[in-house]
Each structure stands twice: as structure tokens, then as C-alpha cells.
C-alpha atoms as a PDB file:
ATOM      1  CA  UNK A   1     129.360 180.675  88.374  1.00  0.00           C
ATOM      2  CA  UNK A   2     127.278 181.442  91.225  1.00  0.00           C
ATOM      3  CA  UNK A   3     123.999 181.269  89.414  1.00  0.00           C
ATOM      4  CA  UNK A   4     124.623 177.432  88.174  1.00  0.00           C
ATOM      5  CA  UNK A   5     125.683 176.292  91.491  1.00  0.00           C
ATOM      6  CA  UNK A   6     122.588 178.156  93.356  1.00  0.00           C
ATOM      7  CA  UNK A   7     120.057 176.570  90.912  1.00  0.00           C
ATOM      8  CA  UNK A   8     121.449 173.151  90.975  1.00  0.00           C
ATOM      9  CA  UNK A   9     121.145 173.641  94.797  1.00  0.00           C
ATOM     10  CA  UNK A  10     117.840 174.735  94.842  1.00  0.00           C
ATOM     11  CA  UNK A  11     116.748 172.049  92.381  1.00  0.00           C
ATOM     12  CA  UNK A  12     118.448 169.390  95.067  1.00  0.00           C
ATOM     13  CA  UNK A  13     116.179 170.836  97.515  1.00  0.00           C
ATOM     14  CA  UNK A  14     112.852 171.280  95.628  1.00  0.00           C
ATOM     15  CA  UNK A  15     112.964 167.808  93.767  1.00  0.00           C
ATOM     16  CA  UNK A  16     113.790 166.082  97.054  1.00  0.00           C
ATOM     17  CA  UNK A  17     116.930 164.441  95.815  1.00  0.00           C
ATOM     18  CA  UNK A  18     118.336 163.866  99.352  1.00  0.00           C
ATOM     19  CA  UNK A  19     120.653 165.529 101.876  1.00  0.00           C
ATOM     20  CA  UNK A  20     123.787 164.200 100.004  1.00  0.00           C
ATOM     21  CA  UNK A  21     122.680 166.337  96.721  1.00  0.00           C
ATOM     22  CA  UNK A  22     122.049 169.492  98.874  1.00  0.00           C
ATOM     23  CA  UNK A  23     125.035 169.401 100.802  1.00  0.00           C
ATOM     24  CA  UNK A  24     127.314 168.208  97.940  1.00  0.00           C
ATOM     25  CA  UNK A  25     127.097 171.941  96.822  1.00  0.00           C
ATOM     26  CA  UNK A  26     128.863 173.247  99.713  1.00  0.00           C
ATOM     27  CA  UNK A  27     132.889 173.705 100.103  1.00  0.00           C
ATOM     28  CA  UNK A  28     134.030 171.102 103.026  1.00  0.00           C
ATOM     29  CA  UNK A  29     134.604 174.254 105.069  1.00  0.00           C
ATOM     30  CA  UNK A  30     131.754 176.243 104.067  1.00  0.00           C
ATOM     31  CA  UNK A  31     129.914 178.485 106.744  1.00  0.00           C
ATOM     32  CA  UNK A  32     126.133 178.817 106.862  1.00  0.00           C
ATOM     33  CA  UNK A  33     124.789 181.743 108.878  1.00  0.00           C
ATOM     34  CA  UNK A  34     121.229 181.507 110.416  1.00  0.00           C
ATOM     35  CA  UNK A  35     119.300 183.556 112.983  1.00  0.00           C
ATOM     36  CA  UNK A  36     119.936 180.963 115.661  1.00  0.00           C
ATOM     37  CA  UNK A  37     123.428 179.939 115.158  1.00  0.00           C
ATOM     38  CA  UNK A  38     126.388 179.465 112.683  1.00  0.00           C
ATOM     39  CA  UNK A  39     126.998 176.202 110.920  1.00  0.00           C
ATOM     40  CA  UNK A  40     130.754 175.307 110.174  1.00  0.00           C
ATOM     41  CA  UNK A  41     131.522 172.685 107.775  1.00  0.00           C
ATOM     42  CA  UNK A  42     129.379 170.100 105.732  1.00  0.00           C
ATOM     43  CA  UNK A  43     128.829 168.118 108.760  1.00  0.00           C
ATOM     44  CA  UNK A  44     127.100 170.851 110.784  1.00  0.00           C
ATOM     45  CA  UNK A  45     125.271 171.965 107.442  1.00  0.00           C
ATOM     46  CA  UNK A  46     124.010 168.560 106.844  1.00  0.00           C
ATOM     47  CA  UNK A  47     122.572 168.385 110.351  1.00  0.00           C
ATOM     48  CA  UNK A  48     120.953 171.836 109.548  1.00  0.00           C
ATOM     49  CA  UNK A  49     119.034 170.354 106.422  1.00  0.00           C
ATOM     50  CA  UNK A  50     118.258 167.182 108.384  1.00  0.00           C
ATOM     51  CA  UNK A  51     116.541 169.029 111.356  1.00  0.00           C
ATOM     52  CA  UNK A  52     114.992 171.715 108.624  1.00  0.00           C
ATOM     53  CA  UNK A  53     113.493 169.277 106.218  1.00  0.00           C
ATOM     54  CA  UNK A  54     112.441 167.050 109.216  1.00  0.00           C
ATOM     55  CA  UNK A  55     110.417 170.066 110.893  1.00  0.00           C
ATOM     56  CA  UNK A  56     108.849 171.374 107.714  1.00  0.00           C
ATOM     57  CA  UNK A  57     104.935 171.024 107.178  1.00  0.00           C
ATOM     58  CA  UNK A  58     103.586 168.294 105.055  1.00  0.00           C
ATOM     59  CA  UNK A  59     103.424 169.529 101.432  1.00  0.00           C
ATOM     60  CA  UNK A  60     105.373 172.792 101.891  1.00  0.00           C
ATOM     61  CA  UNK A  61     107.944 172.227  99.622  1.00  0.00           C
ATOM     62  CA  UNK A  62     105.609 171.716  96.753  1.00  0.00           C
ATOM     63  CA  UNK A  63     104.505 175.430  97.652  1.00  0.00           C
ATOM     64  CA  UNK A  64     107.823 176.845  97.082  1.00  0.00           C
ATOM     65  CA  UNK A  65     108.087 179.897  94.907  1.00  0.00           C
ATOM     66  CA  UNK A  66     111.165 181.673  93.917  1.00  0.00           C
ATOM     67  CA  UNK A  67     110.068 185.322  94.189  1.00  0.00           C
ATOM     68  CA  UNK A  68     113.509 186.817  93.177  1.00  0.00           C
ATOM     69  CA  UNK A  69     117.005 185.684  92.284  1.00  0.00           C
ATOM     70  CA  UNK A  70     119.677 188.154  91.823  1.00  0.00           C
ATOM     71  CA  UNK A  71     123.593 187.016  90.596  1.00  0.00           C
ATOM     72  CA  UNK A  72     126.612 189.210  90.677  1.00  0.00           C
ATOM     73  CA  UNK A  73     129.789 187.618  89.992  1.00  0.00           C
ATOM     74  CA  UNK A  74     130.338 184.927  93.187  1.00  0.00           C
ATOM     75  CA  UNK A  75     127.397 185.891  94.800  1.00  0.00           C
ATOM     76  CA  UNK A  76     123.609 185.100  94.645  1.00  0.00           C
ATOM     77  CA  UNK A  77     120.685 186.520  96.735  1.00  0.00           C
ATOM     78  CA  UNK A  78     117.336 184.958  96.475  1.00  0.00           C
ATOM     79  CA  UNK A  79     113.943 185.649  98.153  1.00  0.00           C
ATOM     80  CA  UNK A  80     111.294 182.999  98.412  1.00  0.00           C
ATOM     81  CA  UNK A  81     108.071 181.917  99.897  1.00  0.00           C
ATOM     82  CA  UNK A  82     106.400 178.435 100.873  1.00  0.00           C
ATOM     83  CA  UNK A  83     102.863 179.041 101.198  1.00  0.00           C
ATOM     84  CA  UNK A  84     101.168 180.625 104.075  1.00  0.00           C
ATOM     85  CA  UNK A  85     103.599 178.544 106.304  1.00  0.00           C
ATOM     86  CA  UNK A  86     106.639 180.368 105.262  1.00  0.00           C
ATOM     87  CA  UNK A  87     105.556 183.695 103.567  1.00  0.00           C
ATOM     88  CA  UNK A  88     108.990 185.046 103.125  1.00  0.00           C
ATOM     89  CA  UNK A  89     112.654 183.657 103.211  1.00  0.00           C
ATOM     90  CA  UNK A  90     115.834 184.823 101.957  1.00  0.00           C
ATOM     91  CA  UNK A  91     119.169 183.663 101.546  1.00  0.00           C
ATOM     92  CA  UNK A  92     122.448 184.861 100.050  1.00  0.00           C
ATOM     93  CA  UNK A  93     125.194 182.537  98.924  1.00  0.00           C
ATOM     94  CA  UNK A  94     128.927 183.342  98.263  1.00  0.00           C
ATOM     95  CA  UNK A  95     130.463 180.753  95.684  1.00  0.00           C
ATOM     96  CA  UNK A  96     134.200 180.004  94.739  1.00  0.00           C
ATOM     97  CA  UNK A  97     135.367 177.100  92.705  1.00  0.00           C
ATOM     98  CA  UNK A  98     132.035 175.605  91.861  1.00  0.00           C
ATOM     99  CA  UNK A  99     131.017 175.363  95.579  1.00  0.00           C
ATOM    100  CA  UNK A 100     128.952 177.455  98.046  1.00  0.00           C
ATOM    101  CA  UNK A 101     131.501 178.858 100.735  1.00  0.00           C
ATOM    102  CA  UNK A 102     129.253 181.011 102.754  1.00  0.00           C
ATOM    103  CA  UNK A 103     125.295 181.174 102.870  1.00  0.00           C
ATOM    104  CA  UNK A 104     123.006 183.376 105.216  1.00  0.00           C
ATOM    105  CA  UNK A 105     119.678 182.132 105.862  1.00  0.00           C
ATOM    106  CA  UNK A 106     116.453 183.989 107.195  1.00  0.00           C
ATOM    107  CA  UNK A 107     112.780 183.094 107.000  1.00  0.00           C
ATOM    108  CA  UNK A 108     109.391 184.053 108.612  1.00  0.00           C
ATOM    109  CA  UNK A 109     107.350 181.119 109.700  1.00  0.00           C
ATOM    110  CA  UNK A 110     103.918 181.828 110.154  1.00  0.00           C
ATOM    111  CA  UNK A 111     102.190 180.619 113.350  1.00  0.00           C
ATOM    112  CA  UNK A 112      98.842 180.750 111.692  1.00  0.00           C
ATOM    113  CA  UNK A 113      99.582 178.184 109.097  1.00  0.00           C
END
């Protein structure tokens, strides 16, 4: 079920369980689409998360707020914020056989934070 997988994925990120726990939710051939590029496969998705986490402002993960979560069959849609540094983010997930096979990601990062 999409909800179980996505909630586990969010916990892995928010509880800082490490890159292996985060990437473990993706199918080997998953696709992750962001504004800047498309990441294909877990190796490229791993690199995204390594770079993203390394670039986060201190303590921003502790400010994460899940603003909305909608689940329909194999699809999950979330909106979130993380303090003033990231006032709006959104992700859409497609889940098949207990793994994320497709994700879209967008966020607004404030330059005033």
C-alpha cells in the first residue's frame, strides 16, 4: 500500500536513519524527477539524497511539518514545510509491490532564512 511505504520513507528521512534506509524504499529501476534533473535507479537517487542532506541548513529536519498527505491506490501526494528555510515542498509517489517506482519532488527554498 502506498501509504505504508511513503510513511516508512518519511520516517527514515526524518529520524535520520541514513541513506540506506531512505533509498531502500525505492525499486532498483525507480525514477525520481526534480526541477533540475531526472534521477534514474537507486544509485542516482542515492546521490540526490546525499547531496540534498549535505546541503540542508542546520536543524532544518527538526522543523519538518507534513502539511498534507493524500493516498489513492498506488499514489501518494504530500505537501510539507521545514521552517522558514523551506516554506513549501511537495512530492508525489507511485508505489508498486512495496517500492517507490516514481517520485516527483519540488520545493521552494527561501533565500531569507
